[in-house]
Amino acid sequence: KYQVPSTKYPPSMDVSSLNPRSRIAESASSLFSHASYPLEHSLDYPRDPGLFGPDSVTWQVVGDAAAFIGGIRALLIQAAHPEVVAGVVEHSTYETDPLGRLSRTSAYVAATSYGAMPEVEAVLEVVNRAHTGIVGTSHRGRSYSANSPRYAAWVHNALADSFLTAYESFGPRPLDPPDHDRYVQEQARLGARFQTEDLPTTRNDLAAWIADHPDIGPSPGMEQVVAFLADPPLPRSASGPYAVLFQAAITTIPDRIATILGVRRRLGAHPCGSVLTRTLRWALGASPSWWLALERTATPLPKGVAFRRPPPIVGVEQRFAASLRGR
């Protein structure tokens, strides 16, 4: 059975003795420290805007604490597709190494959202190689391949829709109306890198594509994944907050998909999720990878956005501190 790894703290450090902001930040960030950071050499590509760039909506949406809820929502919605979830159950390490898989997924999002183009291409190549051997047959007799444009569309669109929905529901401020469609169009550029079929380009079209998809339905694999996501083997300090985020994610899932998944909205789940997201935003600040991308592109830090943690790159702490003093 999977054993939760110890945190990165030395034995002499008592995390409970830290001030509340530091305790929350360290407990949360330790969950994502089980894979290599993909942007370690990002500053070697000065002025490279990556796939989206500093004026994108993607940097704003993915860089906020609401993305925690978006990630959980995406995993739930992805599980509603029998062929997609069969690939996860039969080929993934999510049960034996959940924190490793969580960290690798986080690394993929960070690299594709904030990386310079060489870093984006590198992580896409890693994903394509990993997907090559993921083939099989679902419980309803349909063959699947992780590299199929059809199934890649479900995974990609569910993730894109979930980050946006979470930001709309739990973000710090509303997006300007045109930015909803602009975000979807940005994400379609990423989906095209996988030769993905069916890439909606408006907010309404994306939401309808997800909610009305003809191929989704219950499956044994879905039940297994949903049960795991409801109660994953997390460190004790994270299990309570995770449960709040999980229930908050359910409140944003379309009715048809929630019925397929067998999940129900709990009274008070949305306001509790809002309170916790604000707390995480206060403790963690915006994504360190967002700061790194801004620094790489020599872009001023956006007003109203707090950056509290440098990215996990040796020697970058002084540069991070100097950028905050220069605001």
Protein backbone atom coordinates (compact mmCIF):
# COMPACT_ATOMS: atom_id res chain seq x y z
CA LYS A 1 0.00 0.00 0.00
CA TYR A 2 1.26 3.48 -0.83
CA GLN A 3 2.95 5.23 2.05
CA VAL A 4 2.80 9.02 2.10
CA PRO A 5 6.37 10.31 1.80
CA SER A 6 7.74 12.47 4.56
CA THR A 7 7.80 16.18 3.88
CA LYS A 8 10.93 18.03 2.88
CA TYR A 9 11.52 19.39 6.38
CA PRO A 10 14.54 18.25 8.39
CA PRO A 11 13.71 16.23 11.50
CA SER A 12 14.50 19.20 13.75
CA MET A 13 11.89 21.44 12.11
CA ASP A 14 8.41 21.38 13.61
CA VAL A 15 6.07 22.65 10.91
CA SER A 16 3.37 23.28 13.50
CA SER A 17 5.59 25.93 15.09
CA LEU A 18 5.56 28.11 11.97
CA ASN A 19 3.24 31.10 11.74
CA PRO A 20 -0.14 30.29 10.15
CA ARG A 21 0.71 31.67 6.70
CA SER A 22 4.00 29.76 6.51
CA ARG A 23 2.44 26.58 7.87
CA ILE A 24 -0.28 26.59 5.21
CA ALA A 25 2.18 27.46 2.45
CA GLU A 26 4.68 24.77 3.39
CA SER A 27 2.05 22.07 3.85
CA ALA A 28 0.45 22.84 0.49
CA SER A 29 3.66 23.21 -1.51
CA SER A 30 5.07 19.94 -0.13
CA LEU A 31 2.31 18.05 -1.98
CA PHE A 32 3.78 19.13 -5.32
CA SER A 33 7.44 18.45 -4.57
CA HIS A 34 7.52 14.83 -5.78
CA ALA A 35 8.66 15.51 -9.35
CA SER A 36 11.35 17.61 -10.98
CA TYR A 37 10.51 21.26 -11.52
CA PRO A 38 10.18 21.67 -15.31
CA LEU A 39 11.20 25.34 -15.52
CA GLU A 40 14.56 25.13 -13.79
CA HIS A 41 16.34 26.69 -16.79
CA SER A 42 13.58 29.07 -17.85
CA LEU A 43 15.68 32.18 -17.29
CA ASP A 44 18.07 30.90 -19.96
CA TYR A 45 15.44 31.93 -22.54
CA PRO A 46 15.08 35.69 -21.99
CA ARG A 47 12.13 37.42 -23.64
CA ASP A 48 10.62 34.09 -24.74
CA PRO A 49 6.85 34.48 -24.14
CA GLY A 50 6.12 30.78 -24.39
CA LEU A 51 2.86 29.51 -25.78
CA PHE A 52 0.68 32.25 -24.24
CA GLY A 53 2.66 35.28 -23.08
CA PRO A 54 2.31 37.87 -20.31
CA ASP A 55 -0.88 39.45 -21.69
CA SER A 56 -2.69 36.11 -21.82
CA VAL A 57 -5.69 35.17 -19.73
CA THR A 58 -4.14 31.75 -19.15
CA TRP A 59 -1.35 33.16 -16.98
CA GLN A 60 -3.95 34.87 -14.78
CA VAL A 61 -6.33 31.91 -14.52
CA VAL A 62 -3.82 29.11 -13.96
CA GLY A 63 -1.73 31.21 -11.56
CA ASP A 64 -4.48 31.66 -8.97
CA ALA A 65 -5.28 29.47 -5.96
CA ALA A 66 -8.63 28.60 -7.56
CA ALA A 67 -6.64 26.27 -9.83
CA PHE A 68 -6.52 23.77 -6.95
CA ILE A 69 -10.28 23.32 -7.31
CA GLY A 70 -9.97 23.35 -11.09
CA GLY A 71 -7.52 20.46 -11.01
CA ILE A 72 -9.80 18.29 -8.87
CA ARG A 73 -12.79 19.14 -11.06
CA ALA A 74 -10.88 18.17 -14.19
CA LEU A 75 -9.97 14.75 -12.80
CA LEU A 76 -13.59 14.10 -11.87
CA ILE A 77 -14.95 15.15 -15.25
CA GLN A 78 -12.29 13.20 -17.13
CA ALA A 79 -13.39 10.08 -15.21
CA ALA A 80 -16.87 10.31 -16.78
CA HIS A 81 -15.49 9.08 -20.12
CA PRO A 82 -15.25 5.25 -20.03
CA GLU A 83 -12.36 4.92 -22.49
CA VAL A 84 -10.35 7.74 -20.94
CA VAL A 85 -10.79 6.44 -17.41
CA ALA A 86 -9.94 2.89 -18.54
CA GLY A 87 -6.57 4.20 -19.68
CA VAL A 88 -6.05 5.80 -16.28
CA VAL A 89 -7.05 2.76 -14.24
CA GLU A 90 -5.17 0.21 -16.34
CA HIS A 91 -1.96 2.16 -16.98
CA SER A 92 -1.56 4.90 -14.36
CA THR A 93 0.24 4.96 -11.01
CA TYR A 94 -2.40 7.15 -9.37
CA GLU A 95 -3.12 4.58 -6.63
CA THR A 96 0.45 3.55 -5.85
CA ASP A 97 2.06 6.99 -6.25
CA PRO A 98 -0.65 9.66 -5.98
CA LEU A 99 1.65 12.49 -4.91
CA GLY A 100 4.08 11.67 -7.71
CA ARG A 101 1.28 11.75 -10.26
CA LEU A 102 -0.07 14.97 -8.75
CA SER A 103 3.37 16.55 -8.98
CA ARG A 104 3.88 15.43 -12.58
CA THR A 105 0.48 16.78 -13.59
CA SER A 106 1.31 20.07 -11.87
CA ALA A 107 4.63 20.15 -13.71
CA TYR A 108 2.83 19.67 -17.04
CA VAL A 109 0.47 22.57 -16.31
CA ALA A 110 3.34 24.81 -15.18
CA ALA A 111 5.47 24.02 -18.22
CA THR A 112 2.75 24.40 -20.84
CA SER A 113 1.32 27.54 -19.22
CA TYR A 114 4.48 29.41 -18.24
CA GLY A 115 7.43 27.76 -19.94
CA ALA A 116 9.57 29.17 -22.71
CA MET A 117 8.91 27.41 -26.00
CA PRO A 118 11.81 24.92 -25.63
CA GLU A 119 10.35 23.96 -22.24
CA VAL A 120 6.85 23.64 -23.68
CA GLU A 121 8.10 21.41 -26.49
CA ALA A 122 10.09 19.30 -24.03
CA VAL A 123 7.14 18.54 -21.78
CA LEU A 124 4.87 17.82 -24.75
CA GLU A 125 7.42 15.31 -26.01
CA VAL A 126 7.50 13.65 -22.59
CA VAL A 127 3.70 13.39 -22.57
CA ASN A 128 3.57 11.98 -26.10
CA ARG A 129 6.17 9.32 -25.25
CA ALA A 130 4.36 8.37 -22.05
CA HIS A 131 1.07 8.00 -23.93
CA THR A 132 2.47 5.76 -26.65
CA GLY A 133 1.92 2.50 -24.78
CA ILE A 134 -1.45 3.40 -23.27
CA VAL A 135 -3.82 1.28 -25.35
CA GLY A 136 -6.56 -1.18 -24.49
CA THR A 137 -10.26 -1.91 -24.54
CA SER A 138 -12.87 -0.38 -22.24
CA HIS A 139 -15.59 -2.30 -20.38
CA ARG A 140 -18.02 -1.53 -23.21
CA GLY A 141 -15.74 -3.08 -25.81
CA ARG A 142 -14.34 0.08 -27.37
CA SER A 143 -10.63 0.27 -28.06
CA TYR A 144 -8.73 3.28 -26.76
CA SER A 145 -5.35 4.92 -27.20
CA ALA A 146 -4.07 7.83 -25.14
CA ASN A 147 -2.68 9.38 -28.33
CA SER A 148 -6.07 9.31 -30.05
CA PRO A 149 -7.09 12.90 -30.95
CA ARG A 150 -10.64 12.02 -29.95
CA TYR A 151 -9.77 11.03 -26.39
CA ALA A 152 -7.08 13.68 -26.06
CA ALA A 153 -9.81 16.23 -26.74
CA TRP A 154 -11.80 15.06 -23.71
CA VAL A 155 -8.79 15.26 -21.41
CA HIS A 156 -7.61 18.62 -22.72
CA ASN A 157 -11.00 20.32 -22.89
CA ALA A 158 -12.00 19.07 -19.44
CA LEU A 159 -8.83 20.57 -17.98
CA ALA A 160 -9.22 23.88 -19.82
CA ASP A 161 -12.90 24.16 -18.89
CA SER A 162 -12.22 23.26 -15.26
CA PHE A 163 -9.53 25.87 -14.68
CA LEU A 164 -11.77 28.55 -16.17
CA THR A 165 -14.86 27.41 -14.26
CA ALA A 166 -12.95 27.33 -10.98
CA TYR A 167 -11.62 30.84 -11.58
CA GLU A 168 -15.10 32.09 -12.48
CA SER A 169 -16.49 30.55 -9.28
CA PHE A 170 -13.66 31.08 -6.79
CA GLY A 171 -11.25 33.58 -8.35
CA PRO A 172 -10.27 36.92 -6.77
CA ARG A 173 -12.12 39.06 -9.32
CA PRO A 174 -14.38 38.55 -12.34
CA LEU A 175 -12.81 38.29 -15.77
CA ASP A 176 -13.74 40.89 -18.35
CA PRO A 177 -16.42 39.36 -20.63
CA PRO A 178 -14.16 39.06 -23.72
CA ASP A 179 -11.50 37.29 -21.65
CA HIS A 180 -13.61 34.15 -21.24
CA ASP A 181 -13.50 33.48 -24.98
CA ARG A 182 -9.89 34.62 -25.22
CA TYR A 183 -8.84 32.05 -22.62
CA VAL A 184 -10.62 29.27 -24.52
CA GLN A 185 -8.90 30.32 -27.74
CA GLU A 186 -5.52 30.28 -25.98
CA GLN A 187 -6.17 26.79 -24.69
CA ALA A 188 -7.15 25.64 -28.17
CA ARG A 189 -3.60 26.51 -29.27
CA LEU A 190 -2.28 24.09 -26.66
CA GLY A 191 -4.75 21.40 -27.69
CA ALA A 192 -3.64 21.75 -31.30
CA ARG A 193 -0.14 20.71 -30.23
CA PHE A 194 -1.58 17.24 -29.57
CA GLN A 195 -3.42 17.19 -32.92
CA THR A 196 -6.55 17.19 -30.77
CA GLU A 197 -9.95 17.06 -32.47
CA ASP A 198 -12.88 19.26 -31.45
CA LEU A 199 -11.34 22.38 -29.93
CA PRO A 200 -14.08 24.89 -29.10
CA THR A 201 -13.11 28.54 -29.34
CA THR A 202 -15.79 30.24 -27.21
CA ARG A 203 -16.67 29.89 -23.56
CA ASN A 204 -20.27 28.82 -24.28
CA ASP A 205 -19.21 26.29 -26.90
CA LEU A 206 -16.65 24.73 -24.56
CA ALA A 207 -19.15 24.41 -21.70
CA ALA A 208 -21.73 22.85 -24.02
CA TRP A 209 -19.16 20.49 -25.54
CA ILE A 210 -18.35 19.17 -22.05
CA ALA A 211 -21.90 19.01 -20.67
CA ASP A 212 -23.50 17.43 -23.75
CA HIS A 213 -20.73 15.07 -24.84
CA PRO A 214 -22.28 11.92 -26.36
CA ASP A 215 -19.61 9.42 -25.29
CA ILE A 216 -19.67 9.82 -21.52
CA GLY A 217 -21.28 7.44 -19.05
CA PRO A 218 -20.68 5.39 -15.90
CA SER A 219 -18.07 2.64 -15.79
CA PRO A 220 -16.28 0.47 -13.22
CA GLY A 221 -13.14 2.52 -13.72
CA MET A 222 -15.05 5.72 -13.06
CA GLU A 223 -16.35 4.40 -9.75
CA GLN A 224 -12.83 3.42 -8.74
CA VAL A 225 -11.34 6.81 -9.61
CA VAL A 226 -14.13 8.83 -8.00
CA ALA A 227 -13.81 6.80 -4.79
CA PHE A 228 -10.07 7.41 -4.79
CA LEU A 229 -10.43 11.15 -5.44
CA ALA A 230 -12.95 11.41 -2.61
CA ASP A 231 -10.45 10.04 -0.09
CA PRO A 232 -6.85 9.95 -1.36
CA PRO A 233 -3.95 9.00 0.95
CA LEU A 234 -2.74 12.52 1.72
CA PRO A 235 -0.72 13.74 4.70
CA ARG A 236 -2.93 14.49 7.67
CA SER A 237 -2.34 18.23 7.41
CA ALA A 238 -3.71 18.24 3.86
CA SER A 239 -6.63 15.81 4.09
CA GLY A 240 -9.07 18.24 5.71
CA PRO A 241 -8.46 21.14 3.30
CA TYR A 242 -8.51 18.73 0.37
CA ALA A 243 -11.98 17.49 1.38
CA VAL A 244 -13.24 21.09 1.28
CA LEU A 245 -11.72 21.64 -2.17
CA PHE A 246 -13.17 18.34 -3.41
CA GLN A 247 -16.69 19.26 -2.32
CA ALA A 248 -16.28 22.76 -3.77
CA ALA A 249 -15.29 21.24 -7.11
CA ILE A 250 -18.47 19.15 -7.16
CA THR A 251 -20.60 22.31 -6.90
CA THR A 252 -19.31 23.43 -10.32
CA ILE A 253 -19.86 20.17 -12.24
CA PRO A 254 -22.75 20.14 -14.76
CA ASP A 255 -25.83 18.26 -13.52
CA ARG A 256 -25.65 15.52 -16.14
CA ILE A 257 -22.01 14.73 -15.39
CA ALA A 258 -22.56 14.87 -11.62
CA THR A 259 -25.32 12.27 -12.03
CA ILE A 260 -23.03 10.03 -14.07
CA LEU A 261 -20.28 10.37 -11.47
CA GLY A 262 -22.69 9.71 -8.61
CA VAL A 263 -21.67 12.84 -6.70
CA ARG A 264 -23.99 15.30 -4.99
CA ARG A 265 -23.58 18.92 -4.00
CA ARG A 266 -23.39 19.43 -0.26
CA LEU A 267 -25.02 22.36 1.47
CA GLY A 268 -22.40 24.99 2.26
CA ALA A 269 -19.73 23.43 0.05
CA HIS A 270 -19.42 26.47 -2.21
CA PRO A 271 -18.99 29.12 0.52
CA CYS A 272 -16.57 26.85 2.38
CA GLY A 273 -14.58 26.46 -0.82
CA SER A 274 -14.53 30.22 -1.27
CA VAL A 275 -13.19 30.77 2.24
CA LEU A 276 -10.48 28.14 1.82
CA THR A 277 -9.46 29.46 -1.60
CA ARG A 278 -9.07 32.95 -0.15
CA THR A 279 -6.98 31.48 2.66
CA LEU A 280 -4.74 29.64 0.19
CA ARG A 281 -4.41 32.80 -1.88
CA TRP A 282 -3.38 34.71 1.25
CA ALA A 283 -0.86 32.07 2.30
CA LEU A 284 0.59 30.97 -1.04
CA GLY A 285 0.20 34.02 -3.23
CA ALA A 286 0.14 33.57 -6.99
CA SER A 287 1.98 30.77 -8.75
CA PRO A 288 5.79 31.00 -8.53
CA SER A 289 5.89 29.83 -12.15
CA TRP A 290 3.86 32.89 -13.13
CA TRP A 291 6.44 35.10 -11.43
CA LEU A 292 9.22 33.23 -13.23
CA ALA A 293 7.58 33.75 -16.62
CA LEU A 294 7.14 37.45 -15.90
CA GLU A 295 10.79 37.71 -14.88
CA ARG A 296 11.93 35.83 -17.99
CA THR A 297 9.95 38.16 -20.26
CA ALA A 298 10.98 41.31 -18.35
CA THR A 299 7.32 42.08 -17.65
CA PRO A 300 6.31 44.22 -14.64
CA LEU A 301 4.43 42.35 -11.94
CA PRO A 302 0.66 42.83 -12.33
CA LYS A 303 -1.09 45.13 -9.90
CA GLY A 304 -3.24 43.48 -7.28
CA VAL A 305 -1.44 40.13 -7.51
CA ALA A 306 0.71 39.01 -4.57
CA PHE A 307 3.71 36.75 -5.14
CA ARG A 308 4.93 35.21 -1.89
CA ARG A 309 7.12 32.25 -2.91
CA PRO A 310 10.02 32.00 -5.35
CA PRO A 311 10.10 29.04 -7.73
CA PRO A 312 12.18 26.04 -6.56
CA ILE A 313 15.33 27.08 -8.43
CA VAL A 314 18.69 27.32 -6.69
CA GLY A 315 19.91 30.90 -6.40
CA VAL A 316 16.74 32.66 -7.52
CA GLU A 317 15.66 33.87 -4.08
CA GLN A 318 17.55 37.18 -4.21
CA ARG A 319 16.22 37.96 -7.68
CA PHE A 320 12.71 37.19 -6.45
CA ALA A 321 13.08 39.47 -3.42
CA ALA A 322 14.53 42.27 -5.57
CA SER A 323 11.59 42.09 -7.97
CA LEU A 324 9.14 42.53 -5.10
CA ARG A 325 11.05 45.52 -3.74
CA GLY A 326 10.99 47.10 -7.18
CA ARG A 327 7.20 47.11 -7.52
